Amino acid sequence: MDAPRDCPDCQSAGSVMGGTCQVCFSEGSGAPRRLRFADVISELEVAAALARAGSTSGVAEACRRARALLERLRGQFLSEVILAPPGTPPVPEQAEVELDPVHA
């Protein structure tokens, strides 16, 4: 079996096993999906479950993936919210949604 690789889509460290990312379930052919805080929480829950089961190597790997996810989430936040030009919606998907001035 090949050694785990980093995912080219979600950039999770060591998460690609058997051709599929264990974090975003990508097969490496699609565009990177937006990371959510829930993705980081999920990875931390995996680490906690492994720790309860006594798996030291699994915990270390899960913590490494969680750290990579947190770093990516931080970069995403900085580029989309903190460094975004004034007047830009904080979430790129919202740029296409027109707000109704009566209900805004």
Protein backbone atom coordinates (compact mmCIF):
# COMPACT_ATOMS: atom_id res chain seq x y z
CA MET A 1 0.00 0.00 0.00
CA ASP A 2 1.27 3.48 -0.88
CA ALA A 3 2.12 6.03 1.81
CA PRO A 4 -0.58 8.66 2.46
CA ARG A 5 -0.24 11.82 0.33
CA ASP A 6 -1.43 15.38 0.80
CA CYS A 7 -4.75 16.15 -0.88
CA PRO A 8 -4.43 18.50 -3.89
CA ASP A 9 -8.04 19.65 -3.45
CA CYS A 10 -8.44 20.44 0.26
CA GLN A 11 -4.69 20.47 1.00
CA SER A 12 -5.05 18.19 4.02
CA ALA A 13 -1.69 16.72 4.95
CA GLY A 14 -1.39 12.95 4.54
CA SER A 15 -5.10 12.44 3.94
CA VAL A 16 -5.11 10.70 0.52
CA MET A 17 -5.23 6.93 0.90
CA GLY A 18 -6.22 4.58 -1.87
CA GLY A 19 -6.75 7.52 -4.25
CA THR A 20 -9.44 9.19 -2.11
CA CYS A 21 -9.03 12.02 0.39
CA GLN A 22 -10.25 10.97 3.82
CA VAL A 23 -11.15 14.60 4.66
CA CYS A 24 -12.99 15.98 1.61
CA PHE A 25 -13.59 12.63 -0.17
CA SER A 26 -12.16 14.05 -3.38
CA GLU A 27 -10.53 11.76 -5.88
CA GLY A 28 -8.12 14.55 -6.80
CA SER A 29 -9.78 15.70 -10.00
CA GLY A 30 -12.09 18.52 -8.94
CA ALA A 31 -11.57 22.13 -7.98
CA PRO A 32 -10.72 22.82 -4.35
CA ARG A 33 -13.85 23.09 -2.27
CA ARG A 34 -14.31 25.80 0.32
CA LEU A 35 -13.25 24.71 3.76
CA ARG A 36 -15.74 24.99 6.61
CA PHE A 37 -15.07 25.22 10.33
CA ALA A 38 -17.15 22.05 10.67
CA ASP A 39 -14.46 20.23 8.63
CA VAL A 40 -11.86 21.15 11.27
CA ILE A 41 -14.17 20.12 14.11
CA SER A 42 -14.77 16.78 12.39
CA GLU A 43 -11.03 16.14 12.13
CA LEU A 44 -10.58 17.04 15.82
CA GLU A 45 -13.36 14.57 16.70
CA VAL A 46 -11.47 11.87 14.78
CA ALA A 47 -8.33 12.68 16.79
CA ALA A 48 -10.30 12.49 20.05
CA ALA A 49 -11.84 9.14 19.10
CA LEU A 50 -8.42 7.74 18.20
CA ALA A 51 -7.00 9.00 21.51
CA ARG A 52 -9.81 7.29 23.44
CA ALA A 53 -9.03 4.07 21.56
CA GLY A 54 -5.33 4.37 22.46
CA SER A 55 -3.99 4.78 18.90
CA THR A 56 -0.88 6.97 19.26
CA SER A 57 0.15 6.98 15.58
CA GLY A 58 -3.42 7.66 14.44
CA VAL A 59 -3.78 10.58 16.85
CA ALA A 60 -0.58 12.20 15.60
CA GLU A 61 -1.71 11.87 11.97
CA ALA A 62 -5.20 13.24 12.72
CA CYS A 63 -3.69 16.18 14.60
CA ARG A 64 -1.40 16.91 11.65
CA ARG A 65 -4.42 16.93 9.30
CA ALA A 66 -6.38 19.16 11.71
CA ARG A 67 -3.49 21.63 11.85
CA ALA A 68 -3.30 21.74 8.05
CA LEU A 69 -7.05 22.36 7.89
CA LEU A 70 -6.82 25.15 10.47
CA GLU A 71 -3.99 26.83 8.57
CA ARG A 72 -5.97 26.63 5.33
CA LEU A 73 -9.12 27.95 7.04
CA ARG A 74 -7.12 30.86 8.47
CA GLY A 75 -5.77 31.72 5.01
CA GLN A 76 -9.24 31.49 3.52
CA PHE A 77 -10.62 33.78 6.25
CA LEU A 78 -7.83 36.32 5.82
CA SER A 79 -8.21 36.50 2.05
CA GLU A 80 -12.01 36.59 1.96
CA VAL A 81 -12.93 38.62 5.04
CA ILE A 82 -9.99 40.57 6.39
CA LEU A 83 -8.22 41.48 3.14
CA ALA A 84 -11.29 41.71 0.90
CA PRO A 85 -11.88 45.07 -0.79
CA PRO A 86 -14.44 47.31 0.96
CA GLY A 87 -18.01 46.53 -0.05
CA THR A 88 -17.19 42.95 -1.08
CA PRO A 89 -19.49 40.33 0.41
CA PRO A 90 -17.53 38.20 2.90
CA VAL A 91 -18.53 34.96 1.20
CA PRO A 92 -17.82 34.81 -2.57
CA GLU A 93 -21.01 32.84 -3.24
CA GLN A 94 -23.03 35.79 -1.91
CA ALA A 95 -21.60 38.09 -4.59
CA GLU A 96 -24.10 36.60 -7.05
CA VAL A 97 -27.10 37.04 -4.73
CA GLU A 98 -28.87 40.37 -5.03
CA LEU A 99 -30.28 41.64 -1.76
CA ASP A 100 -33.86 42.88 -1.73
CA PRO A 101 -33.61 46.41 -0.23
CA VAL A 102 -36.98 45.94 1.53
CA HIS A 103 -35.83 42.78 3.31
CA ALA A 104 -32.14 43.62 3.75
